[in-house]
C-alpha atoms as a PDB file:
ATOM      1  CA  PHE A   1     -13.863  19.191 -49.393  1.00  0.00           C
ATOM      2  CA  ASP A   2     -14.871  21.987 -47.172  1.00  0.00           C
ATOM      3  CA  TYR A   3     -15.461  20.855 -43.499  1.00  0.00           C
ATOM      4  CA  GLU A   4     -17.591  22.818 -41.061  1.00  0.00           C
ATOM      5  CA  GLU A   5     -15.632  23.807 -37.995  1.00  0.00           C
ATOM      6  CA  ARG A   6     -16.929  22.274 -34.911  1.00  0.00           C
ATOM      7  CA  THR A   7     -18.287  24.546 -32.262  1.00  0.00           C
ATOM      8  CA  ASP A   8     -19.551  22.049 -29.410  1.00  0.00           C
ATOM      9  CA  GLY A   9     -17.188  21.076 -26.815  1.00  0.00           C
ATOM     10  CA  PHE A  10     -15.481  17.803 -26.165  1.00  0.00           C
ATOM     11  CA  SER A  11     -13.625  16.253 -23.353  1.00  0.00           C
ATOM     12  CA  VAL A  12     -11.544  13.080 -23.311  1.00  0.00           C
ATOM     13  CA  LEU A  13     -11.554  10.240 -20.718  1.00  0.00           C
ATOM     14  CA  VAL A  14      -8.202   8.195 -19.881  1.00  0.00           C
ATOM     15  CA  SER A  15      -7.975   5.522 -17.379  1.00  0.00           C
ATOM     16  CA  PRO A  16      -4.813   3.286 -16.903  1.00  0.00           C
ATOM     17  CA  THR A  17      -6.798   0.715 -15.167  1.00  0.00           C
ATOM     18  CA  ASP A  18      -5.156  -2.269 -13.842  1.00  0.00           C
ATOM     19  CA  PHE A  19      -1.816  -0.654 -14.005  1.00  0.00           C
ATOM     20  CA  HIS A  20      -0.541  -3.078 -11.326  1.00  0.00           C
ATOM     21  CA  TRP A  21       2.343  -0.795 -10.077  1.00  0.00           C
ATOM     22  CA  GLY A  22       4.935  -3.053  -8.539  1.00  0.00           C
ATOM     23  CA  LYS A  23       4.015  -6.420 -10.284  1.00  0.00           C
ATOM     24  CA  TYR A  24       7.035  -8.494 -11.180  1.00  0.00           C
ATOM     25  CA  ALA A  25       7.012 -10.313 -14.454  1.00  0.00           C
ATOM     26  CA  SER A  26      10.353 -11.973 -15.651  1.00  0.00           C
ATOM     27  CA  ALA A  27      11.486 -11.899 -19.468  1.00  0.00           C
ATOM     28  CA  ILE A  28      10.555 -15.594 -19.614  1.00  0.00           C
ATOM     29  CA  THR A  29       6.917 -14.796 -19.930  1.00  0.00           C
ATOM     30  CA  GLY A  30       7.669 -12.826 -22.947  1.00  0.00           C
ATOM     31  CA  ASP A  31       6.138  -9.704 -21.433  1.00  0.00           C
ATOM     32  CA  GLU A  32       8.497  -8.477 -18.909  1.00  0.00           C
ATOM     33  CA  TYR A  33       7.137  -6.020 -16.350  1.00  0.00           C
ATOM     34  CA  ASN A  34       8.583  -3.867 -13.423  1.00  0.00           C
ATOM     35  CA  ARG A  35       8.283  -0.381 -12.342  1.00  0.00           C
ATOM     36  CA  ASP A  36      10.661   1.118 -14.693  1.00  0.00           C
ATOM     37  CA  ILE A  37       9.018  -0.625 -17.740  1.00  0.00           C
ATOM     38  CA  ALA A  38       5.642   0.426 -16.008  1.00  0.00           C
ATOM     39  CA  LYS A  39       6.254   4.203 -15.874  1.00  0.00           C
ATOM     40  CA  GLU A  40       7.652   4.260 -19.363  1.00  0.00           C
ATOM     41  CA  ARG A  41       4.644   2.441 -20.710  1.00  0.00           C
ATOM     42  CA  LEU A  42       2.285   4.685 -18.741  1.00  0.00           C
ATOM     43  CA  PHE A  43       3.711   8.185 -19.737  1.00  0.00           C
ATOM     44  CA  SER A  44       4.531   7.381 -23.563  1.00  0.00           C
ATOM     45  CA  SER A  45       1.047   5.795 -24.170  1.00  0.00           C
ATOM     46  CA  THR A  46      -0.564   8.813 -22.518  1.00  0.00           C
ATOM     47  CA  LYS A  47       1.220  11.269 -24.310  1.00  0.00           C
ATOM     48  CA  ASP A  48       0.551   9.474 -27.641  1.00  0.00           C
ATOM     49  CA  VAL A  49      -3.082   9.472 -26.768  1.00  0.00           C
ATOM     50  CA  LEU A  50      -3.303  13.117 -25.865  1.00  0.00           C
ATOM     51  CA  ASP A  51      -0.962  14.402 -28.641  1.00  0.00           C
ATOM     52  CA  ARG A  52      -3.376  12.933 -31.196  1.00  0.00           C
ATOM     53  CA  VAL A  53      -6.441  14.253 -29.130  1.00  0.00           C
ATOM     54  CA  MET A  54      -5.003  17.619 -29.352  1.00  0.00           C
ATOM     55  CA  LEU A  55      -5.298  17.658 -32.965  1.00  0.00           C
ATOM     56  CA  ARG A  56      -8.964  17.934 -32.629  1.00  0.00           C
ATOM     57  CA  GLY A  57      -8.533  21.151 -30.575  1.00  0.00           C
ATOM     58  CA  MET A  58      -8.588  21.918 -26.983  1.00  0.00           C
ATOM     59  CA  PRO A  59     -10.758  19.748 -24.921  1.00  0.00           C
ATOM     60  CA  ASP A  60     -12.860  21.229 -22.086  1.00  0.00           C
ATOM     61  CA  LYS A  61     -10.960  18.939 -19.808  1.00  0.00           C
ATOM     62  CA  ILE A  62      -9.400  15.547 -19.364  1.00  0.00           C
ATOM     63  CA  ILE A  63     -11.097  12.988 -17.152  1.00  0.00           C
ATOM     64  CA  VAL A  64      -8.681  10.647 -15.467  1.00  0.00           C
ATOM     65  CA  ALA A  65      -9.540   7.624 -13.616  1.00  0.00           C
ATOM     66  CA  ILE A  66      -6.687   6.250 -11.660  1.00  0.00           C
ATOM     67  CA  GLY A  67      -6.530   3.058  -9.194  1.00  0.00           C
ATOM     68  CA  GLY A  68      -8.650   0.146 -10.141  1.00  0.00           C
ATOM     69  CA  ASP A  69      -5.752  -2.084  -9.404  1.00  0.00           C
ATOM     70  CA  GLY A  70      -3.359   0.809 -10.017  1.00  0.00           C
ATOM     71  CA  LEU A  71      -1.252  -0.759  -6.985  1.00  0.00           C
ATOM     72  CA  HIS A  72      -0.461  -4.311  -7.197  1.00  0.00           C
ATOM     73  CA  ILE A  73      -0.763  -5.119  -3.575  1.00  0.00           C
ATOM     74  CA  ASP A  74      -2.797  -3.762  -0.656  1.00  0.00           C
ATOM     75  CA  ASN A  75      -0.866  -4.674   2.451  1.00  0.00           C
ATOM     76  CA  GLN A  76       2.626  -5.511   4.010  1.00  0.00           C
ATOM     77  CA  PHE A  77       2.176  -9.158   3.109  1.00  0.00           C
ATOM     78  CA  ARG A  78       2.631  -8.615  -0.554  1.00  0.00           C
ATOM     79  CA  SER A  79      -0.998  -9.539  -1.219  1.00  0.00           C
ATOM     80  CA  THR A  80      -4.228  -8.132  -2.603  1.00  0.00           C
ATOM     81  CA  THR A  81      -7.043  -6.971  -0.607  1.00  0.00           C
ATOM     82  CA  ARG A  82      -8.617 -10.662  -0.363  1.00  0.00           C
ATOM     83  CA  GLY A  83      -5.191 -12.066   0.642  1.00  0.00           C
ATOM     84  CA  THR A  84      -3.705 -13.407  -2.780  1.00  0.00           C
ATOM     85  CA  PRO A  85       0.109 -13.460  -2.787  1.00  0.00           C
ATOM     86  CA  GLN A  86       1.643 -11.497  -5.571  1.00  0.00           C
ATOM     87  CA  ASP A  87       5.085 -11.291  -7.225  1.00  0.00           C
ATOM     88  CA  CYS A  88       6.602  -7.782  -6.575  1.00  0.00           C
ATOM     89  CA  ASP A  89       9.600  -5.725  -7.692  1.00  0.00           C
ATOM     90  CA  GLY A  90      10.053  -4.166  -4.379  1.00  0.00           C
ATOM     91  CA  THR A  91       9.012  -3.984  -0.616  1.00  0.00           C
ATOM     92  CA  PRO A  92       5.241  -3.025   0.191  1.00  0.00           C
ATOM     93  CA  VAL A  93       6.410   0.392   1.572  1.00  0.00           C
ATOM     94  CA  GLU A  94       8.629   1.138  -1.595  1.00  0.00           C
ATOM     95  CA  LEU A  95       5.511   0.336  -3.724  1.00  0.00           C
ATOM     96  CA  ALA A  96       3.115   2.460  -1.935  1.00  0.00           C
ATOM     97  CA  SER A  97       5.246   5.606  -1.469  1.00  0.00           C
ATOM     98  CA  SER A  98       6.545   5.403  -5.019  1.00  0.00           C
ATOM     99  CA  TYR A  99       3.108   4.983  -6.507  1.00  0.00           C
ATOM    100  CA  VAL A 100       1.652   8.120  -4.743  1.00  0.00           C
ATOM    101  CA  ARG A 101       4.514   9.849  -6.195  1.00  0.00           C
ATOM    102  CA  LEU A 102       4.035   8.346  -9.629  1.00  0.00           C
ATOM    103  CA  CYS A 103       0.369   9.503  -9.421  1.00  0.00           C
ATOM    104  CA  ILE A 104       1.335  13.006  -8.655  1.00  0.00           C
ATOM    105  CA  GLU A 105       3.862  13.282 -11.588  1.00  0.00           C
ATOM    106  CA  TYR A 106       1.193  11.708 -13.903  1.00  0.00           C
ATOM    107  CA  ILE A 107      -1.448  14.252 -13.129  1.00  0.00           C
ATOM    108  CA  ASN A 108       1.197  17.133 -13.332  1.00  0.00           C
ATOM    109  CA  MET A 109       1.818  15.792 -16.832  1.00  0.00           C
ATOM    110  CA  ILE A 110      -1.647  15.612 -18.124  1.00  0.00           C
ATOM    111  CA  ARG A 111      -2.570  19.060 -16.792  1.00  0.00           C
ATOM    112  CA  THR A 112      -0.053  20.568 -19.186  1.00  0.00           C
ATOM    113  CA  TYR A 113      -2.586  19.613 -21.967  1.00  0.00           C
ATOM    114  CA  ALA A 114      -5.899  20.836 -20.356  1.00  0.00           C
ATOM    115  CA  PRO A 115      -7.752  21.100 -17.121  1.00  0.00           C
ATOM    116  CA  VAL A 116      -7.971  17.869 -15.225  1.00  0.00           C
ATOM    117  CA  GLU A 117     -10.701  16.175 -13.423  1.00  0.00           C
ATOM    118  CA  CYS A 118      -9.452  13.095 -11.575  1.00  0.00           C
ATOM    119  CA  TYR A 119     -11.349  10.213  -9.990  1.00  0.00           C
ATOM    120  CA  VAL A 120      -9.894   7.385  -7.902  1.00  0.00           C
ATOM    121  CA  VAL A 121     -11.574   4.015  -8.242  1.00  0.00           C
ATOM    122  CA  ALA A 122     -11.191   1.102  -5.829  1.00  0.00           C
ATOM    123  CA  GLY A 123     -10.017  -2.381  -7.422  1.00  0.00           C
ATOM    124  CA  ASN A 124      -9.696  -5.817  -5.908  1.00  0.00           C
ATOM    125  CA  HIS A 125      -5.906  -5.672  -5.609  1.00  0.00           C
ATOM    126  CA  ASP A 126      -5.799  -2.114  -4.020  1.00  0.00           C
ATOM    127  CA  TYR A 127      -9.187  -1.523  -2.242  1.00  0.00           C
ATOM    128  CA  TYR A 128      -7.771   0.106   0.926  1.00  0.00           C
ATOM    129  CA  THR A 129      -4.778   1.942  -0.354  1.00  0.00           C
ATOM    130  CA  THR A 130      -6.852   3.768  -3.044  1.00  0.00           C
ATOM    131  CA  SER A 131      -8.402   5.670  -0.186  1.00  0.00           C
ATOM    132  CA  ILE A 132      -4.829   6.649   1.122  1.00  0.00           C
ATOM    133  CA  LEU A 133      -3.909   7.710  -2.516  1.00  0.00           C
ATOM    134  CA  ARG A 134      -7.287   9.842  -2.693  1.00  0.00           C
ATOM    135  CA  GLU A 135      -6.455  11.706   0.368  1.00  0.00           C
ATOM    136  CA  ALA A 136      -2.759  12.249  -0.605  1.00  0.00           C
ATOM    137  CA  ILE A 137      -3.480  13.706  -4.025  1.00  0.00           C
ATOM    138  CA  CYS A 138      -6.380  15.691  -2.635  1.00  0.00           C
ATOM    139  CA  ALA A 139      -3.942  17.382  -0.449  1.00  0.00           C
ATOM    140  CA  TRP A 140      -1.185  17.709  -3.011  1.00  0.00           C
ATOM    141  CA  PHE A 141      -3.559  19.429  -5.619  1.00  0.00           C
ATOM    142  CA  ARG A 142      -5.980  21.265  -3.273  1.00  0.00           C
ATOM    143  CA  ASN A 143      -4.881  24.700  -4.343  1.00  0.00           C
ATOM    144  CA  VAL A 144      -4.030  23.874  -7.899  1.00  0.00           C
ATOM    145  CA  LYS A 145      -6.761  25.619 -10.019  1.00  0.00           C
ATOM    146  CA  ASN A 146      -6.746  23.431 -13.233  1.00  0.00           C
ATOM    147  CA  VAL A 147      -6.859  20.148 -11.153  1.00  0.00           C
ATOM    148  CA  HIS A 148      -9.936  18.795  -9.538  1.00  0.00           C
ATOM    149  CA  ILE A 149      -9.592  15.722  -7.614  1.00  0.00           C
ATOM    150  CA  ASP A 150     -13.000  14.000  -6.720  1.00  0.00           C
ATOM    151  CA  GLU A 151     -13.200  13.440  -3.075  1.00  0.00           C
ATOM    152  CA  GLN A 152     -16.167  11.068  -2.882  1.00  0.00           C
ATOM    153  CA  ILE A 153     -15.640   7.448  -1.361  1.00  0.00           C
ATOM    154  CA  ALA A 154     -17.491   5.115  -3.438  1.00  0.00           C
ATOM    155  CA  ILE A 155     -16.685   1.865  -5.526  1.00  0.00           C
ATOM    156  CA  ARG A 156     -18.769   3.547  -8.266  1.00  0.00           C
ATOM    157  CA  ARG A 157     -18.476   7.150  -9.341  1.00  0.00           C
ATOM    158  CA  THR A 158     -21.158   8.581 -11.557  1.00  0.00           C
ATOM    159  CA  PHE A 159     -21.492  12.209 -12.959  1.00  0.00           C
ATOM    160  CA  LEU A 160     -22.836  13.814 -15.987  1.00  0.00           C
ATOM    161  CA  TYR A 161     -20.649  15.520 -18.980  1.00  0.00           C
ATOM    162  CA  GLY A 162     -23.132  17.469 -21.149  1.00  0.00           C
ATOM    163  CA  LYS A 163     -26.047  15.088 -21.854  1.00  0.00           C
ATOM    164  CA  SER A 164     -24.101  11.860 -21.108  1.00  0.00           C
ATOM    165  CA  LEU A 165     -24.043   9.907 -17.733  1.00  0.00           C
ATOM    166  CA  ILE A 166     -20.676   8.658 -17.131  1.00  0.00           C
ATOM    167  CA  THR A 167     -19.870   5.811 -14.523  1.00  0.00           C
ATOM    168  CA  LEU A 168     -16.464   4.625 -13.610  1.00  0.00           C
ATOM    169  CA  MET A 169     -15.978   1.286 -11.641  1.00  0.00           C
ATOM    170  CA  HIS A 170     -13.463  -1.563 -11.463  1.00  0.00           C
ATOM    171  CA  GLY A 171     -16.118  -4.107 -12.697  1.00  0.00           C
ATOM    172  CA  ASP A 172     -15.021  -6.959 -10.248  1.00  0.00           C
ATOM    173  CA  ASN A 173     -18.352  -7.210  -8.283  1.00  0.00           C
ATOM    174  CA  GLY A 174     -21.655  -8.233  -9.793  1.00  0.00           C
ATOM    175  CA  ASN A 175     -22.631  -9.220 -13.283  1.00  0.00           C
ATOM    176  CA  THR A 176     -22.388  -6.722 -16.455  1.00  0.00           C
ATOM    177  CA  LYS A 177     -26.042  -7.045 -17.075  1.00  0.00           C
ATOM    178  CA  ASP A 178     -26.949  -5.785 -13.648  1.00  0.00           C
ATOM    179  CA  PHE A 179     -24.700  -2.741 -13.982  1.00  0.00           C
ATOM    180  CA  PRO A 180     -27.404  -0.304 -15.534  1.00  0.00           C
ATOM    181  CA  SER A 181     -30.096  -1.063 -13.142  1.00  0.00           C
ATOM    182  CA  ILE A 182     -27.681  -0.686 -10.185  1.00  0.00           C
ATOM    183  CA  ILE A 183     -26.383   2.822 -11.420  1.00  0.00           C
ATOM    184  CA  ALA A 184     -29.858   4.005 -12.293  1.00  0.00           C
ATOM    185  CA  GLY A 185     -31.050   3.253  -8.854  1.00  0.00           C
ATOM    186  CA  GLU A 186     -28.212   4.857  -7.198  1.00  0.00           C
ATOM    187  CA  ASN A 187     -28.423   8.122  -9.436  1.00  0.00           C
ATOM    188  CA  ALA A 188     -31.984   8.485 -10.420  1.00  0.00           C
ATOM    189  CA  LYS A 189     -31.918  12.324 -10.627  1.00  0.00           C
ATOM    190  CA  LEU A 190     -28.635  12.164 -12.870  1.00  0.00           C
ATOM    191  CA  TRP A 191     -30.212   9.346 -14.936  1.00  0.00           C
ATOM    192  CA  GLY A 192     -33.266  11.169 -15.915  1.00  0.00           C
ATOM    193  CA  GLU A 193     -31.132  14.226 -16.904  1.00  0.00           C
ATOM    194  CA  SER A 194     -28.979  12.249 -19.271  1.00  0.00           C
ATOM    195  CA  HIS A 195     -29.668  11.284 -22.939  1.00  0.00           C
ATOM    196  CA  GLN A 196     -27.216   8.527 -23.081  1.00  0.00           C
ATOM    197  CA  ARG A 197     -25.159   6.551 -20.563  1.00  0.00           C
ATOM    198  CA  PHE A 198     -21.582   5.106 -20.579  1.00  0.00           C
ATOM    199  CA  ILE A 199     -19.836   2.723 -18.118  1.00  0.00           C
ATOM    200  CA  PHE A 200     -16.350   2.279 -17.934  1.00  0.00           C
ATOM    201  CA  THR A 201     -14.884  -0.766 -16.486  1.00  0.00           C
ATOM    202  CA  GLY A 202     -11.374  -2.815 -16.225  1.00  0.00           C
ATOM    203  CA  HIS A 203     -10.587  -5.952 -14.252  1.00  0.00           C
ATOM    204  CA  LEU A 204     -10.151  -8.369 -16.869  1.00  0.00           C
ATOM    205  CA  HIS A 205      -7.411  -6.398 -18.701  1.00  0.00           C
ATOM    206  CA  THR A 206      -9.099  -6.925 -22.077  1.00  0.00           C
ATOM    207  CA  GLU A 207     -10.383  -3.987 -24.285  1.00  0.00           C
ATOM    208  CA  ARG A 208     -14.160  -4.867 -25.227  1.00  0.00           C
ATOM    209  CA  GLU A 209     -17.413  -3.191 -25.927  1.00  0.00           C
ATOM    210  CA  LEU A 210     -19.757  -5.255 -23.896  1.00  0.00           C
ATOM    211  CA  PRO A 211     -23.247  -5.769 -24.934  1.00  0.00           C
ATOM    212  CA  THR A 212     -25.444  -2.712 -25.192  1.00  0.00           C
ATOM    213  CA  PHE A 213     -28.512  -2.474 -22.952  1.00  0.00           C
ATOM    214  CA  GLY A 214     -30.714   0.038 -24.701  1.00  0.00           C
ATOM    215  CA  ASN A 215     -28.964   3.461 -24.844  1.00  0.00           C
ATOM    216  CA  ILE A 216     -26.339   2.317 -22.192  1.00  0.00           C
ATOM    217  CA  THR A 217     -23.021   1.284 -23.491  1.00  0.00           C
ATOM    218  CA  VAL A 218     -20.391  -0.701 -21.409  1.00  0.00           C
ATOM    219  CA  TYR A 219     -16.721  -0.331 -22.189  1.00  0.00           C
ATOM    220  CA  ARG A 220     -14.243  -2.700 -20.616  1.00  0.00           C
ATOM    221  CA  MET A 221     -10.795  -1.107 -20.755  1.00  0.00           C
ATOM    222  CA  PRO A 222      -7.406  -2.768 -21.479  1.00  0.00           C
ATOM    223  CA  SER A 223      -4.381  -2.832 -19.374  1.00  0.00           C
ATOM    224  CA  LEU A 224      -0.779  -1.769 -19.672  1.00  0.00           C
ATOM    225  CA  ALA A 225       0.579  -4.419 -17.173  1.00  0.00           C
ATOM    226  CA  GLY A 226       2.933  -7.102 -18.238  1.00  0.00           C
ATOM    227  CA  THR A 227       2.346 -10.782 -17.999  1.00  0.00           C
ATOM    228  CA  ASP A 228       3.295 -12.268 -14.618  1.00  0.00           C
ATOM    229  CA  ASP A 229       4.061 -15.946 -14.180  1.00  0.00           C
ATOM    230  CA  TRP A 230       0.528 -17.091 -13.024  1.00  0.00           C
ATOM    231  CA  HIS A 231      -0.989 -15.402 -15.926  1.00  0.00           C
ATOM    232  CA  TRP A 232       1.610 -16.948 -18.406  1.00  0.00           C
ATOM    233  CA  GLN A 233       1.050 -20.320 -17.096  1.00  0.00           C
ATOM    234  CA  LYS A 234      -2.536 -20.052 -17.632  1.00  0.00           C
ATOM    235  CA  GLY A 235      -2.152 -18.737 -21.147  1.00  0.00           C
ATOM    236  CA  TYR A 236      -4.051 -15.526 -20.556  1.00  0.00           C
ATOM    237  CA  LYS A 237      -3.027 -12.934 -23.076  1.00  0.00           C
ATOM    238  CA  SER A 238      -4.517  -9.491 -23.992  1.00  0.00           C
ATOM    239  CA  ARG A 239      -3.279  -6.539 -25.888  1.00  0.00           C
ATOM    240  CA  LYS A 240      -1.392  -4.014 -23.763  1.00  0.00           C
ATOM    241  CA  ALA A 241      -2.957  -0.644 -24.477  1.00  0.00           C
ATOM    242  CA  LEU A 242      -4.273   2.818 -23.123  1.00  0.00           C
ATOM    243  CA  ILE A 243      -7.376   4.138 -24.870  1.00  0.00           C
ATOM    244  CA  GLY A 244      -8.724   7.744 -24.789  1.00  0.00           C
ATOM    245  CA  TYR A 245     -12.488   7.931 -25.220  1.00  0.00           C
ATOM    246  CA  ILE A 246     -13.380  11.259 -26.865  1.00  0.00           C
ATOM    247  CA  LEU A 247     -16.758  12.485 -25.309  1.00  0.00           C
ATOM    248  CA  ASP A 248     -18.703  14.951 -27.349  1.00  0.00           C
ATOM    249  CA  TYR A 249     -20.586  17.331 -25.081  1.00  0.00           C
ATOM    250  CA  ASN A 250     -23.996  16.449 -26.702  1.00  0.00           C
ATOM    251  CA  LYS A 251     -23.583  12.966 -28.333  1.00  0.00           C
ATOM    252  CA  GLY A 252     -21.193  11.168 -25.724  1.00  0.00           C
ATOM    253  CA  VAL A 253     -18.480   8.736 -26.905  1.00  0.00           C
ATOM    254  CA  ILE A 254     -17.938   9.589 -30.683  1.00  0.00           C
ATOM    255  CA  ALA A 255     -14.329   8.249 -31.109  1.00  0.00           C
ATOM    256  CA  THR A 256     -11.303   6.549 -29.556  1.00  0.00           C
ATOM    257  CA  GLU A 257      -7.680   7.220 -29.551  1.00  0.00           C
ATOM    258  CA  ILE A 258      -5.724   3.898 -28.947  1.00  0.00           C
ATOM    259  CA  SER A 259      -2.055   3.659 -27.941  1.00  0.00           C
ATOM    260  CA  PRO A 260      -0.881  -0.137 -27.948  1.00  0.00           C
ATOM    261  CA  CYS A 261       2.493  -1.013 -26.359  1.00  0.00           C
END
């Protein structure tokens, strides 16, 4: 067969949402997790996804969303933003400082593949620390030509790629059925300029394409994080994976590359 060479552009969206850096999970749960395991999962799965993406050719850019419970705790009391205590594998200071360094290293790795456009999304575990992370990486990459860090402070980040409206959000606030109307109301001009719309969320650690609302598709992305004692006792299970969403410039999401771990 003779295949026609593609001439339209594409990008890839990668979001290690619900990464929970600093979470401690013992081997008894069957899914041990600590910072050493977390880093290995993050870098190996991302490289696996991007290596396969590059077989398609050079993407216009790699859209990266970090945060969204990227850090397991949000204060010196080892608890989430709302005060729920967590099992951690280090002190709050160790977790916060090492997480900033991890994100810098992660972005530097990704930019060896293609230009990076990075968004920081607040979650229910790390609502305040994501603001600090955003400022830190903005400062670090301010003069790096092939890296753009979005500086907007908002729990939902919406932008256009080609003819597609893309929204990044954690998904812990509100009902899925209300997401389209909220985003349309907040971004009326961009909404009118788009032909199709895609919403990317996390929070529940499970990969799923949620009900489609007209031409609006909601993707819930999986987590790489291990299973801590609380989730193990409740019997909550999910496949650990990272997904790269291939975005055609004109048609939107046309494929995925999945790296389970």
